[in-house]
Amino acid sequence: MFAYPATDFYANVKVESLPESRYAELKKWLIANYDYLLKSDNNVQANTTLQSPLDGFDIRGDDRIKLEGGVLGFYLAFDDPAHVVTTIYLLNQQPYDRKFQTMEQYQRCETHFSRHISPVYE
């Protein structure tokens, strides 16, 4: 779990090592599931500002179009050589308890977070 100083949790990050023998199959399944979720919710849009690969990660993500719901962003990052997938849930908080108050501020936080998360894996 990650938080900005004096705020509630901002990101829930799960790092999973996948079996090497099934990595390609599981990655394909996870991407298909991600694509299905993205297409099935009109309140989210793909983050087109991401440049994949990002620091060596095959990454994709989406964000809600409004500051509504418990999860504002959902990201998958694949480290193919290590057979690791990282799932990132960017969390909403009560307005008085979060670093951002508008979608533009949220997007700046998301960009900052995604650009600085990679040192965690090293």
PDB file of N, CA and C in Angstrom:
ATOM      1  N   MET A   1       0.848  -1.172   0.000  1.00  0.00           N
ATOM      2  CA  MET A   1       0.000   0.000   0.000  1.00  0.00           C
ATOM      3  C   MET A   1       0.900   1.244   0.000  1.00  0.00           C
ATOM      4  N   PHE A   2       0.508   2.234  -0.794  1.00  0.00           N
ATOM      5  CA  PHE A   2       1.251   3.478  -0.885  1.00  0.00           C
ATOM      6  C   PHE A   2       0.320   4.639  -0.548  1.00  0.00           C
ATOM      7  N   ALA A   3       0.883   5.663   0.065  1.00  0.00           N
ATOM      8  CA  ALA A   3       0.118   6.867   0.380  1.00  0.00           C
ATOM      9  C   ALA A   3       1.038   8.072   0.243  1.00  0.00           C
ATOM     10  N   TYR A   4       0.447   9.207  -0.109  1.00  0.00           N
ATOM     11  CA  TYR A   4       1.181  10.458  -0.053  1.00  0.00           C
ATOM     12  C   TYR A   4       1.172  10.920   1.404  1.00  0.00           C
ATOM     13  N   PRO A   5       2.158  11.717   1.822  1.00  0.00           N
ATOM     14  CA  PRO A   5       2.183  12.166   3.223  1.00  0.00           C
ATOM     15  C   PRO A   5       0.871  12.841   3.621  1.00  0.00           C
ATOM     16  N   ALA A   6       0.400  12.502   4.822  1.00  0.00           N
ATOM     17  CA  ALA A   6      -0.800  13.085   5.433  1.00  0.00           C
ATOM     18  C   ALA A   6      -2.077  12.821   4.635  1.00  0.00           C
ATOM     19  N   THR A   7      -2.106  11.715   3.863  1.00  0.00           N
ATOM     20  CA  THR A   7      -3.320  11.338   3.140  1.00  0.00           C
ATOM     21  C   THR A   7      -3.602   9.864   3.396  1.00  0.00           C
ATOM     22  N   ASP A   8      -4.756   9.437   2.970  1.00  0.00           N
ATOM     23  CA  ASP A   8      -5.121   8.028   3.053  1.00  0.00           C
ATOM     24  C   ASP A   8      -4.372   7.264   1.961  1.00  0.00           C
ATOM     25  N   PHE A   9      -4.513   5.931   1.948  1.00  0.00           N
ATOM     26  CA  PHE A   9      -3.832   5.131   0.924  1.00  0.00           C
ATOM     27  C   PHE A   9      -4.262   5.551  -0.473  1.00  0.00           C
ATOM     28  N   TYR A  10      -3.287   5.627  -1.364  1.00  0.00           N
ATOM     29  CA  TYR A  10      -3.518   6.034  -2.746  1.00  0.00           C
ATOM     30  C   TYR A  10      -3.426   4.859  -3.710  1.00  0.00           C
ATOM     31  N   ALA A  11      -2.557   3.894  -3.411  1.00  0.00           N
ATOM     32  CA  ALA A  11      -2.360   2.781  -4.339  1.00  0.00           C
ATOM     33  C   ALA A  11      -2.226   1.469  -3.580  1.00  0.00           C
ATOM     34  N   ASN A  12      -2.888   0.470  -4.116  1.00  0.00           N
ATOM     35  CA  ASN A  12      -2.761  -0.898  -3.632  1.00  0.00           C
ATOM     36  C   ASN A  12      -2.022  -1.646  -4.736  1.00  0.00           C
ATOM     37  N   VAL A  13      -0.839  -2.141  -4.429  1.00  0.00           N
ATOM     38  CA  VAL A  13       0.021  -2.754  -5.427  1.00  0.00           C
ATOM     39  C   VAL A  13       0.242  -4.217  -5.064  1.00  0.00           C
ATOM     40  N   LYS A  14      -0.001  -5.089  -6.019  1.00  0.00           N
ATOM     41  CA  LYS A  14       0.198  -6.522  -5.818  1.00  0.00           C
ATOM     42  C   LYS A  14       1.200  -7.021  -6.855  1.00  0.00           C
ATOM     43  N   VAL A  15       2.271  -7.636  -6.379  1.00  0.00           N
ATOM     44  CA  VAL A  15       3.315  -8.157  -7.247  1.00  0.00           C
ATOM     45  C   VAL A  15       3.275  -9.683  -7.161  1.00  0.00           C
ATOM     46  N   GLU A  16       3.139 -10.330  -8.316  1.00  0.00           N
ATOM     47  CA  GLU A  16       3.017 -11.784  -8.341  1.00  0.00           C
ATOM     48  C   GLU A  16       4.024 -12.389  -9.314  1.00  0.00           C
ATOM     49  N   SER A  17       4.691 -13.412  -8.853  1.00  0.00           N
ATOM     50  CA  SER A  17       5.582 -14.188  -9.702  1.00  0.00           C
ATOM     51  C   SER A  17       4.758 -15.313 -10.323  1.00  0.00           C
ATOM     52  N   LEU A  18       4.747 -15.368 -11.640  1.00  0.00           N
ATOM     53  CA  LEU A  18       3.987 -16.399 -12.341  1.00  0.00           C
ATOM     54  C   LEU A  18       4.907 -17.541 -12.755  1.00  0.00           C
ATOM     55  N   PRO A  19       4.372 -18.755 -12.827  1.00  0.00           N
ATOM     56  CA  PRO A  19       5.213 -19.885 -13.253  1.00  0.00           C
ATOM     57  C   PRO A  19       5.753 -19.652 -14.658  1.00  0.00           C
ATOM     58  N   GLU A  20       7.035 -19.853 -14.811  1.00  0.00           N
ATOM     59  CA  GLU A  20       7.680 -19.629 -16.113  1.00  0.00           C
ATOM     60  C   GLU A  20       7.007 -20.443 -17.215  1.00  0.00           C
ATOM     61  N   SER A  21       6.630 -21.691 -16.908  1.00  0.00           N
ATOM     62  CA  SER A  21       6.046 -22.568 -17.924  1.00  0.00           C
ATOM     63  C   SER A  21       4.676 -22.104 -18.408  1.00  0.00           C
ATOM     64  N   ARG A  22       3.985 -21.279 -17.620  1.00  0.00           N
ATOM     65  CA  ARG A  22       2.642 -20.818 -17.997  1.00  0.00           C
ATOM     66  C   ARG A  22       2.571 -19.305 -18.158  1.00  0.00           C
ATOM     67  N   TYR A  23       3.711 -18.627 -18.062  1.00  0.00           N
ATOM     68  CA  TYR A  23       3.713 -17.171 -18.072  1.00  0.00           C
ATOM     69  C   TYR A  23       3.027 -16.594 -19.310  1.00  0.00           C
ATOM     70  N   ALA A  24       3.382 -17.046 -20.486  1.00  0.00           N
ATOM     71  CA  ALA A  24       2.803 -16.499 -21.725  1.00  0.00           C
ATOM     72  C   ALA A  24       1.292 -16.701 -21.751  1.00  0.00           C
ATOM     73  N   GLU A  25       0.832 -17.877 -21.359  1.00  0.00           N
ATOM     74  CA  GLU A  25      -0.604 -18.174 -21.331  1.00  0.00           C
ATOM     75  C   GLU A  25      -1.320 -17.284 -20.309  1.00  0.00           C
ATOM     76  N   LEU A  26      -0.772 -17.166 -19.106  1.00  0.00           N
ATOM     77  CA  LEU A  26      -1.400 -16.360 -18.062  1.00  0.00           C
ATOM     78  C   LEU A  26      -1.390 -14.877 -18.417  1.00  0.00           C
ATOM     79  N   LYS A  27      -0.298 -14.407 -19.016  1.00  0.00           N
ATOM     80  CA  LYS A  27      -0.233 -13.006 -19.447  1.00  0.00           C
ATOM     81  C   LYS A  27      -1.321 -12.733 -20.488  1.00  0.00           C
ATOM     82  N   LYS A  28      -1.468 -13.636 -21.433  1.00  0.00           N
ATOM     83  CA  LYS A  28      -2.499 -13.477 -22.463  1.00  0.00           C
ATOM     84  C   LYS A  28      -3.891 -13.417 -21.825  1.00  0.00           C
ATOM     85  N   TRP A  29      -4.140 -14.292 -20.840  1.00  0.00           N
ATOM     86  CA  TRP A  29      -5.426 -14.316 -20.157  1.00  0.00           C
ATOM     87  C   TRP A  29      -5.656 -13.016 -19.382  1.00  0.00           C
ATOM     88  N   LEU A  30      -4.630 -12.535 -18.678  1.00  0.00           N
ATOM     89  CA  LEU A  30      -4.763 -11.296 -17.910  1.00  0.00           C
ATOM     90  C   LEU A  30      -5.032 -10.097 -18.820  1.00  0.00           C
ATOM     91  N   ILE A  31      -4.373 -10.044 -19.973  1.00  0.00           N
ATOM     92  CA  ILE A  31      -4.603  -8.947 -20.914  1.00  0.00           C
ATOM     93  C   ILE A  31      -6.017  -9.032 -21.486  1.00  0.00           C
ATOM     94  N   ALA A  32      -6.481 -10.227 -21.806  1.00  0.00           N
ATOM     95  CA  ALA A  32      -7.855 -10.391 -22.314  1.00  0.00           C
ATOM     96  C   ALA A  32      -8.864  -9.958 -21.263  1.00  0.00           C
ATOM     97  N   ASN A  33      -8.612 -10.293 -20.012  1.00  0.00           N
ATOM     98  CA  ASN A  33      -9.501  -9.888 -18.933  1.00  0.00           C
ATOM     99  C   ASN A  33      -9.495  -8.370 -18.761  1.00  0.00           C
ATOM    100  N   TYR A  34      -8.299  -7.776 -18.825  1.00  0.00           N
ATOM    101  CA  TYR A  34      -8.182  -6.316 -18.748  1.00  0.00           C
ATOM    102  C   TYR A  34      -8.975  -5.659 -19.881  1.00  0.00           C
ATOM    103  N   ASP A  35      -8.803  -6.151 -21.113  1.00  0.00           N
ATOM    104  CA  ASP A  35      -9.509  -5.584 -22.262  1.00  0.00           C
ATOM    105  C   ASP A  35     -11.023  -5.695 -22.089  1.00  0.00           C
ATOM    106  N   TYR A  36     -11.484  -6.831 -21.578  1.00  0.00           N
ATOM    107  CA  TYR A  36     -12.920  -7.027 -21.338  1.00  0.00           C
ATOM    108  C   TYR A  36     -13.433  -6.014 -20.321  1.00  0.00           C
ATOM    109  N   LEU A  37     -12.716  -5.851 -19.210  1.00  0.00           N
ATOM    110  CA  LEU A  37     -13.148  -4.899 -18.187  1.00  0.00           C
ATOM    111  C   LEU A  37     -13.178  -3.475 -18.734  1.00  0.00           C
ATOM    112  N   LEU A  38     -12.181  -3.123 -19.523  1.00  0.00           N
ATOM    113  CA  LEU A  38     -12.128  -1.779 -20.100  1.00  0.00           C
ATOM    114  C   LEU A  38     -13.320  -1.530 -21.021  1.00  0.00           C
ATOM    115  N   LYS A  39     -13.639  -2.499 -21.857  1.00  0.00           N
ATOM    116  CA  LYS A  39     -14.741  -2.336 -22.814  1.00  0.00           C
ATOM    117  C   LYS A  39     -16.113  -2.396 -22.158  1.00  0.00           C
ATOM    118  N   SER A  40     -16.212  -3.029 -20.998  1.00  0.00           N
ATOM    119  CA  SER A  40     -17.523  -3.227 -20.373  1.00  0.00           C
ATOM    120  C   SER A  40     -17.938  -2.090 -19.445  1.00  0.00           C
ATOM    121  N   ASP A  41     -17.098  -1.096 -19.251  1.00  0.00           N
ATOM    122  CA  ASP A  41     -17.420   0.002 -18.338  1.00  0.00           C
ATOM    123  C   ASP A  41     -17.268   1.332 -19.067  1.00  0.00           C
ATOM    124  N   ASN A  42     -18.368   2.011 -19.288  1.00  0.00           N
ATOM    125  CA  ASN A  42     -18.341   3.304 -19.987  1.00  0.00           C
ATOM    126  C   ASN A  42     -17.781   4.428 -19.129  1.00  0.00           C
ATOM    127  N   ASN A  43     -17.519   4.154 -17.860  1.00  0.00           N
ATOM    128  CA  ASN A  43     -17.008   5.179 -16.956  1.00  0.00           C
ATOM    129  C   ASN A  43     -15.487   5.176 -16.834  1.00  0.00           C
ATOM    130  N   VAL A  44     -14.824   4.351 -17.647  1.00  0.00           N
ATOM    131  CA  VAL A  44     -13.361   4.312 -17.639  1.00  0.00           C
ATOM    132  C   VAL A  44     -12.842   4.497 -19.057  1.00  0.00           C
ATOM    133  N   GLN A  45     -11.606   4.953 -19.133  1.00  0.00           N
ATOM    134  CA  GLN A  45     -10.957   5.083 -20.441  1.00  0.00           C
ATOM    135  C   GLN A  45      -9.494   4.686 -20.303  1.00  0.00           C
ATOM    136  N   ALA A  46      -8.972   4.124 -21.368  1.00  0.00           N
ATOM    137  CA  ALA A  46      -7.572   3.708 -21.371  1.00  0.00           C
ATOM    138  C   ALA A  46      -6.672   4.925 -21.203  1.00  0.00           C
ATOM    139  N   ASN A  47      -5.601   4.754 -20.475  1.00  0.00           N
ATOM    140  CA  ASN A  47      -4.607   5.810 -20.325  1.00  0.00           C
ATOM    141  C   ASN A  47      -3.707   5.765 -21.552  1.00  0.00           C
ATOM    142  N   THR A  48      -3.938   6.681 -22.467  1.00  0.00           N
ATOM    143  CA  THR A  48      -3.194   6.700 -23.725  1.00  0.00           C
ATOM    144  C   THR A  48      -1.866   7.440 -23.609  1.00  0.00           C
ATOM    145  N   THR A  49      -1.581   8.010 -22.443  1.00  0.00           N
ATOM    146  CA  THR A  49      -0.315   8.716 -22.262  1.00  0.00           C
ATOM    147  C   THR A  49       0.814   7.771 -21.863  1.00  0.00           C
ATOM    148  N   LEU A  50       0.472   6.538 -21.499  1.00  0.00           N
ATOM    149  CA  LEU A  50       1.499   5.563 -21.128  1.00  0.00           C
ATOM    150  C   LEU A  50       2.311   5.165 -22.343  1.00  0.00           C
ATOM    151  N   GLN A  51       3.600   5.115 -22.170  1.00  0.00           N
ATOM    152  CA  GLN A  51       4.488   4.637 -23.224  1.00  0.00           C
ATOM    153  C   GLN A  51       4.990   3.260 -22.796  1.00  0.00           C
ATOM    154  N   SER A  52       4.552   2.236 -23.484  1.00  0.00           N
ATOM    155  CA  SER A  52       4.987   0.886 -23.166  1.00  0.00           C
ATOM    156  C   SER A  52       6.011   0.455 -24.203  1.00  0.00           C
ATOM    157  N   PRO A  53       7.132  -0.076 -23.801  1.00  0.00           N
ATOM    158  CA  PRO A  53       7.477  -0.398 -22.424  1.00  0.00           C
ATOM    159  C   PRO A  53       7.870   0.842 -21.618  1.00  0.00           C
ATOM    160  N   LEU A  54       7.563   0.777 -20.331  1.00  0.00           N
ATOM    161  CA  LEU A  54       7.894   1.827 -19.381  1.00  0.00           C
ATOM    162  C   LEU A  54       8.928   1.250 -18.421  1.00  0.00           C
ATOM    163  N   ASP A  55      10.143   1.728 -18.509  1.00  0.00           N
ATOM    164  CA  ASP A  55      11.241   1.204 -17.682  1.00  0.00           C
ATOM    165  C   ASP A  55      11.347  -0.314 -17.780  1.00  0.00           C
ATOM    166  N   GLY A  56      11.124  -0.856 -18.979  1.00  0.00           N
ATOM    167  CA  GLY A  56      11.237  -2.286 -19.192  1.00  0.00           C
ATOM    168  C   GLY A  56       9.968  -3.076 -18.946  1.00  0.00           C
ATOM    169  N   PHE A  57       8.911  -2.431 -18.483  1.00  0.00           N
ATOM    170  CA  PHE A  57       7.645  -3.105 -18.212  1.00  0.00           C
ATOM    171  C   PHE A  57       6.682  -2.939 -19.380  1.00  0.00           C
ATOM    172  N   ASP A  58       6.011  -4.017 -19.740  1.00  0.00           N
ATOM    173  CA  ASP A  58       4.891  -3.970 -20.676  1.00  0.00           C
ATOM    174  C   ASP A  58       3.704  -3.540 -19.821  1.00  0.00           C
ATOM    175  N   ILE A  59       3.204  -2.315 -20.034  1.00  0.00           N
ATOM    176  CA  ILE A  59       2.214  -1.743 -19.131  1.00  0.00           C
ATOM    177  C   ILE A  59       0.980  -1.274 -19.878  1.00  0.00           C
ATOM    178  N   ARG A  60      -0.144  -1.393 -19.236  1.00  0.00           N
ATOM    179  CA  ARG A  60      -1.418  -0.859 -19.741  1.00  0.00           C
ATOM    180  C   ARG A  60      -2.248  -0.457 -18.538  1.00  0.00           C
ATOM    181  N   GLY A  61      -3.107   0.536 -18.730  1.00  0.00           N
ATOM    182  CA  GLY A  61      -3.915   0.994 -17.610  1.00  0.00           C
ATOM    183  C   GLY A  61      -5.089   1.825 -18.052  1.00  0.00           C
ATOM    184  N   ASP A  62      -6.019   1.955 -17.145  1.00  0.00           N
ATOM    185  CA  ASP A  62      -7.197   2.780 -17.400  1.00  0.00           C
ATOM    186  C   ASP A  62      -7.565   3.553 -16.149  1.00  0.00           C
ATOM    187  N   ASP A  63      -8.315   4.626 -16.367  1.00  0.00           N
ATOM    188  CA  ASP A  63      -8.757   5.492 -15.281  1.00  0.00           C
ATOM    189  C   ASP A  63     -10.232   5.825 -15.451  1.00  0.00           C
ATOM    190  N   ARG A  64     -10.892   6.045 -14.328  1.00  0.00           N
ATOM    191  CA  ARG A  64     -12.278   6.510 -14.359  1.00  0.00           C
ATOM    192  C   ARG A  64     -12.305   7.914 -14.967  1.00  0.00           C
ATOM    193  N   ILE A  65     -13.444   8.285 -15.510  1.00  0.00           N
ATOM    194  CA  ILE A  65     -13.566   9.616 -16.104  1.00  0.00           C
ATOM    195  C   ILE A  65     -14.042  10.647 -15.077  1.00  0.00           C
ATOM    196  N   LYS A  66     -14.503  10.169 -13.905  1.00  0.00           N
ATOM    197  CA  LYS A  66     -14.930  11.050 -12.818  1.00  0.00           C
ATOM    198  C   LYS A  66     -14.358  10.519 -11.516  1.00  0.00           C
ATOM    199  N   LEU A  67     -14.268  11.400 -10.509  1.00  0.00           N
ATOM    200  CA  LEU A  67     -13.776  10.996  -9.195  1.00  0.00           C
ATOM    201  C   LEU A  67     -14.888  10.285  -8.434  1.00  0.00           C
ATOM    202  N   GLU A  68     -15.253   9.100  -8.915  1.00  0.00           N
ATOM    203  CA  GLU A  68     -16.334   8.321  -8.319  1.00  0.00           C
ATOM    204  C   GLU A  68     -15.883   6.880  -8.171  1.00  0.00           C
ATOM    205  N   GLY A  69     -16.392   6.213  -7.149  1.00  0.00           N
ATOM    206  CA  GLY A  69     -16.072   4.810  -6.937  1.00  0.00           C
ATOM    207  C   GLY A  69     -14.839   4.641  -6.074  1.00  0.00           C
ATOM    208  N   GLY A  70     -14.590   3.408  -5.672  1.00  0.00           N
ATOM    209  CA  GLY A  70     -13.467   3.118  -4.788  1.00  0.00           C
ATOM    210  C   GLY A  70     -12.135   3.016  -5.502  1.00  0.00           C
ATOM    211  N   VAL A  71     -12.155   2.574  -6.770  1.00  0.00           N
ATOM    212  CA  VAL A  71     -10.921   2.445  -7.562  1.00  0.00           C
ATOM    213  C   VAL A  71     -11.005   3.411  -8.731  1.00  0.00           C
ATOM    214  N   LEU A  72     -10.028   4.309  -8.820  1.00  0.00           N
ATOM    215  CA  LEU A  72     -10.010   5.302  -9.899  1.00  0.00           C
ATOM    216  C   LEU A  72      -9.169   4.863 -11.083  1.00  0.00           C
ATOM    217  N   GLY A  73      -8.193   3.995 -10.833  1.00  0.00           N
ATOM    218  CA  GLY A  73      -7.321   3.528 -11.903  1.00  0.00           C
ATOM    219  C   GLY A  73      -6.938   2.078 -11.692  1.00  0.00           C
ATOM    220  N   PHE A  74      -6.773   1.375 -12.804  1.00  0.00           N
ATOM    221  CA  PHE A  74      -6.386  -0.034 -12.772  1.00  0.00           C
ATOM    222  C   PHE A  74      -5.267  -0.224 -13.783  1.00  0.00           C
ATOM    223  N   TYR A  75      -4.117  -0.736 -13.327  1.00  0.00           N
ATOM    224  CA  TYR A  75      -2.939  -0.866 -14.176  1.00  0.00           C
ATOM    225  C   TYR A  75      -2.336  -2.262 -14.055  1.00  0.00           C
ATOM    226  N   LEU A  76      -1.847  -2.759 -15.172  1.00  0.00           N
ATOM    227  CA  LEU A  76      -1.109  -4.020 -15.219  1.00  0.00           C
ATOM    228  C   LEU A  76       0.276  -3.723 -15.768  1.00  0.00           C
ATOM    229  N   ALA A  77       1.294  -4.252 -15.097  1.00  0.00           N
ATOM    230  CA  ALA A  77       2.673  -4.096 -15.562  1.00  0.00           C
ATOM    231  C   ALA A  77       3.317  -5.476 -15.584  1.00  0.00           C
ATOM    232  N   PHE A  78       3.823  -5.857 -16.745  1.00  0.00           N
ATOM    233  CA  PHE A  78       4.444  -7.171 -16.917  1.00  0.00           C
ATOM    234  C   PHE A  78       5.953  -7.026 -17.041  1.00  0.00           C
ATOM    235  N   ASP A  79       6.665  -7.790 -16.241  1.00  0.00           N
ATOM    236  CA  ASP A  79       8.115  -7.896 -16.346  1.00  0.00           C
ATOM    237  C   ASP A  79       8.379  -9.266 -16.964  1.00  0.00           C
ATOM    238  N   ASP A  80       8.452  -9.296 -18.300  1.00  0.00           N
ATOM    239  CA  ASP A  80       8.548 -10.570 -19.015  1.00  0.00           C
ATOM    240  C   ASP A  80       9.776 -11.397 -18.638  1.00  0.00           C
ATOM    241  N   PRO A  81      10.977 -10.823 -18.574  1.00  0.00           N
ATOM    242  CA  PRO A  81      12.143 -11.662 -18.234  1.00  0.00           C
ATOM    243  C   PRO A  81      12.041 -12.310 -16.842  1.00  0.00           C
ATOM    244  N   ALA A  82      11.405 -11.612 -15.892  1.00  0.00           N
ATOM    245  CA  ALA A  82      11.296 -12.140 -14.529  1.00  0.00           C
ATOM    246  C   ALA A  82      10.015 -12.944 -14.311  1.00  0.00           C
ATOM    247  N   HIS A  83       9.104 -12.935 -15.304  1.00  0.00           N
ATOM    248  CA  HIS A  83       7.813 -13.635 -15.198  1.00  0.00           C
ATOM    249  C   HIS A  83       6.981 -13.100 -14.033  1.00  0.00           C
ATOM    250  N   VAL A  84       6.924 -11.781 -13.941  1.00  0.00           N
ATOM    251  CA  VAL A  84       6.222 -11.114 -12.843  1.00  0.00           C
ATOM    252  C   VAL A  84       5.167 -10.181 -13.414  1.00  0.00           C
ATOM    253  N   VAL A  85       3.999 -10.181 -12.781  1.00  0.00           N
ATOM    254  CA  VAL A  85       2.954  -9.223 -13.122  1.00  0.00           C
ATOM    255  C   VAL A  85       2.658  -8.393 -11.875  1.00  0.00           C
ATOM    256  N   THR A  86       2.530  -7.097 -12.086  1.00  0.00           N
ATOM    257  CA  THR A  86       2.181  -6.186 -11.006  1.00  0.00           C
ATOM    258  C   THR A  86       0.830  -5.568 -11.335  1.00  0.00           C
ATOM    259  N   THR A  87      -0.079  -5.672 -10.391  1.00  0.00           N
ATOM    260  CA  THR A  87      -1.403  -5.077 -10.525  1.00  0.00           C
ATOM    261  C   THR A  87      -1.453  -3.877  -9.599  1.00  0.00           C
ATOM    262  N   ILE A  88      -1.862  -2.737 -10.147  1.00  0.00           N
ATOM    263  CA  ILE A  88      -1.918  -1.502  -9.371  1.00  0.00           C
ATOM    264  C   ILE A  88      -3.345  -0.984  -9.404  1.00  0.00           C
ATOM    265  N   TYR A  89      -3.894  -0.789  -8.225  1.00  0.00           N
ATOM    266  CA  TYR A  89      -5.212  -0.187  -8.078  1.00  0.00           C
ATOM    267  C   TYR A  89      -5.001   1.201  -7.477  1.00  0.00           C
ATOM    268  N   LEU A  90      -5.354   2.248  -8.221  1.00  0.00           N
ATOM    269  CA  LEU A  90      -5.262   3.610  -7.708  1.00  0.00           C
ATOM    270  C   LEU A  90      -6.589   3.932  -7.039  1.00  0.00           C
ATOM    271  N   LEU A  91      -6.514   4.251  -5.759  1.00  0.00           N
ATOM    272  CA  LEU A  91      -7.697   4.319  -4.920  1.00  0.00           C
ATOM    273  C   LEU A  91      -8.249   5.727  -4.774  1.00  0.00           C
ATOM    274  N   ASN A  92      -9.554   5.789  -4.646  1.00  0.00           N
ATOM    275  CA  ASN A  92     -10.228   7.034  -4.323  1.00  0.00           C
ATOM    276  C   ASN A  92     -10.255   7.169  -2.804  1.00  0.00           C
ATOM    277  N   GLN A  93     -10.394   8.375  -2.341  1.00  0.00           N
ATOM    278  CA  GLN A  93     -10.490   8.636  -0.906  1.00  0.00           C
ATOM    279  C   GLN A  93     -11.558   9.690  -0.682  1.00  0.00           C
ATOM    280  N   GLN A  94     -11.839   9.961   0.563  1.00  0.00           N
ATOM    281  CA  GLN A  94     -12.740  11.060   0.869  1.00  0.00           C
ATOM    282  C   GLN A  94     -12.073  12.356   0.399  1.00  0.00           C
ATOM    283  N   PRO A  95     -12.842  13.288  -0.175  1.00  0.00           N
ATOM    284  CA  PRO A  95     -12.236  14.512  -0.716  1.00  0.00           C
ATOM    285  C   PRO A  95     -11.329  15.256   0.268  1.00  0.00           C
ATOM    286  N   TYR A  96     -11.676  15.283   1.527  1.00  0.00           N
ATOM    287  CA  TYR A  96     -10.865  16.008   2.511  1.00  0.00           C
ATOM    288  C   TYR A  96      -9.576  15.265   2.848  1.00  0.00           C
ATOM    289  N   ASP A  97      -9.471  14.013   2.425  1.00  0.00           N
ATOM    290  CA  ASP A  97      -8.360  13.156   2.817  1.00  0.00           C
ATOM    291  C   ASP A  97      -7.467  12.757   1.642  1.00  0.00           C
ATOM    292  N   ARG A  98      -7.600  13.409   0.507  1.00  0.00           N
ATOM    293  CA  ARG A  98      -6.806  13.011  -0.652  1.00  0.00           C
ATOM    294  C   ARG A  98      -5.985  14.182  -1.180  1.00  0.00           C
ATOM    295  N   LYS A  99      -4.977  13.846  -1.931  1.00  0.00           N
ATOM    296  CA  LYS A  99      -4.045  14.831  -2.474  1.00  0.00           C
ATOM    297  C   LYS A  99      -4.631  15.573  -3.669  1.00  0.00           C
ATOM    298  N   PHE A 100      -5.680  15.065  -4.276  1.00  0.00           N
ATOM    299  CA  PHE A 100      -6.241  15.643  -5.498  1.00  0.00           C
ATOM    300  C   PHE A 100      -7.724  15.943  -5.282  1.00  0.00           C
ATOM    301  N   GLN A 101      -8.200  16.978  -5.977  1.00  0.00           N
ATOM    302  CA  GLN A 101      -9.609  17.357  -5.887  1.00  0.00           C
ATOM    303  C   GLN A 101     -10.296  17.389  -7.251  1.00  0.00           C
ATOM    304  N   THR A 102      -9.513  17.316  -8.321  1.00  0.00           N
ATOM    305  CA  THR A 102     -10.061  17.317  -9.676  1.00  0.00           C
ATOM    306  C   THR A 102      -9.449  16.151 -10.460  1.00  0.00           C
ATOM    307  N   MET A 103     -10.044  15.825 -11.587  1.00  0.00           N
ATOM    308  CA  MET A 103      -9.491  14.766 -12.436  1.00  0.00           C
ATOM    309  C   MET A 103      -8.110  15.154 -12.952  1.00  0.00           C
ATOM    310  N   GLU A 104      -7.889  16.416 -13.237  1.00  0.00           N
ATOM    311  CA  GLU A 104      -6.579  16.853 -13.716  1.00  0.00           C
ATOM    312  C   GLU A 104      -5.512  16.634 -12.646  1.00  0.00           C
ATOM    313  N   GLN A 105      -5.842  16.947 -11.396  1.00  0.00           N
ATOM    314  CA  GLN A 105      -4.904  16.714 -10.295  1.00  0.00           C
ATOM    315  C   GLN A 105      -4.672  15.216 -10.097  1.00  0.00           C
ATOM    316  N   TYR A 106      -5.734  14.414 -10.204  1.00  0.00           N
ATOM    317  CA  TYR A 106      -5.595  12.950 -10.110  1.00  0.00           C
ATOM    318  C   TYR A 106      -4.649  12.447 -11.198  1.00  0.00           C
ATOM    319  N   GLN A 107      -4.821  12.934 -12.415  1.00  0.00           N
ATOM    320  CA  GLN A 107      -3.977  12.479 -13.521  1.00  0.00           C
ATOM    321  C   GLN A 107      -2.518  12.835 -13.286  1.00  0.00           C
ATOM    322  N   ARG A 108      -2.251  14.000 -12.704  1.00  0.00           N
ATOM    323  CA  ARG A 108      -0.861  14.364 -12.377  1.00  0.00           C
ATOM    324  C   ARG A 108      -0.298  13.416 -11.313  1.00  0.00           C
ATOM    325  N   CYS A 109      -1.122  13.070 -10.310  1.00  0.00           N
ATOM    326  CA  CYS A 109      -0.682  12.112  -9.289  1.00  0.00           C
ATOM    327  C   CYS A 109      -0.418  10.754  -9.916  1.00  0.00           C
ATOM    328  N   GLU A 110      -1.302  10.315 -10.810  1.00  0.00           N
ATOM    329  CA  GLU A 110      -1.137   9.017 -11.477  1.00  0.00           C
ATOM    330  C   GLU A 110       0.141   9.011 -12.291  1.00  0.00           C
ATOM    331  N   THR A 111       0.392  10.068 -13.037  1.00  0.00           N
ATOM    332  CA  THR A 111       1.606  10.153 -13.852  1.00  0.00           C
ATOM    333  C   THR A 111       2.841  10.121 -12.965  1.00  0.00           C
ATOM    334  N   HIS A 112       2.835  10.891 -11.904  1.00  0.00           N
ATOM    335  CA  HIS A 112       3.969  10.918 -10.971  1.00  0.00           C
ATOM    336  C   HIS A 112       4.181   9.537 -10.369  1.00  0.00           C
ATOM    337  N   PHE A 113       3.124   8.890  -9.937  1.00  0.00           N
ATOM    338  CA  PHE A 113       3.236   7.567  -9.321  1.00  0.00           C
ATOM    339  C   PHE A 113       3.783   6.544 -10.312  1.00  0.00           C
ATOM    340  N   SER A 114       3.222   6.514 -11.524  1.00  0.00           N
ATOM    341  CA  SER A 114       3.664   5.507 -12.500  1.00  0.00           C
ATOM    342  C   SER A 114       5.099   5.731 -12.935  1.00  0.00           C
ATOM    343  N   ARG A 115       5.576   6.966 -12.921  1.00  0.00           N
ATOM    344  CA  ARG A 115       6.955   7.247 -13.318  1.00  0.00           C
ATOM    345  C   ARG A 115       7.958   6.899 -12.217  1.00  0.00           C
ATOM    346  N   HIS A 116       7.477   6.803 -10.970  1.00  0.00           N
ATOM    347  CA  HIS A 116       8.390   6.585  -9.853  1.00  0.00           C
ATOM    348  C   HIS A 116       8.207   5.243  -9.157  1.00  0.00           C
ATOM    349  N   ILE A 117       7.335   4.392  -9.649  1.00  0.00           N
ATOM    350  CA  ILE A 117       7.107   3.095  -9.026  1.00  0.00           C
ATOM    351  C   ILE A 117       8.205   2.094  -9.379  1.00  0.00           C
ATOM    352  N   SER A 118       8.831   2.207 -10.532  1.00  0.00           N
ATOM    353  CA  SER A 118       9.781   1.180 -10.970  1.00  0.00           C
ATOM    354  C   SER A 118      10.948   0.948 -10.016  1.00  0.00           C
ATOM    355  N   PRO A 119      11.467   1.946  -9.280  1.00  0.00           N
ATOM    356  CA  PRO A 119      12.562   1.629  -8.346  1.00  0.00           C
ATOM    357  C   PRO A 119      12.151   0.645  -7.248  1.00  0.00           C
ATOM    358  N   VAL A 120      10.863   0.502  -6.985  1.00  0.00           N
ATOM    359  CA  VAL A 120      10.397  -0.430  -5.964  1.00  0.00           C
ATOM    360  C   VAL A 120      10.791  -1.858  -6.334  1.00  0.00           C
ATOM    361  N   TYR A 121      10.858  -2.171  -7.610  1.00  0.00           N
ATOM    362  CA  TYR A 121      11.118  -3.539  -8.048  1.00  0.00           C
ATOM    363  C   TYR A 121      12.596  -3.879  -8.122  1.00  0.00           C
ATOM    364  N   GLU A 122      13.445  -2.898  -8.054  1.00  0.00           N
ATOM    365  CA  GLU A 122      14.874  -3.156  -8.239  1.00  0.00           C
ATOM    366  C   GLU A 122      15.514  -3.733  -6.983  1.00  0.00           C
TER     367      GLU A 122
END
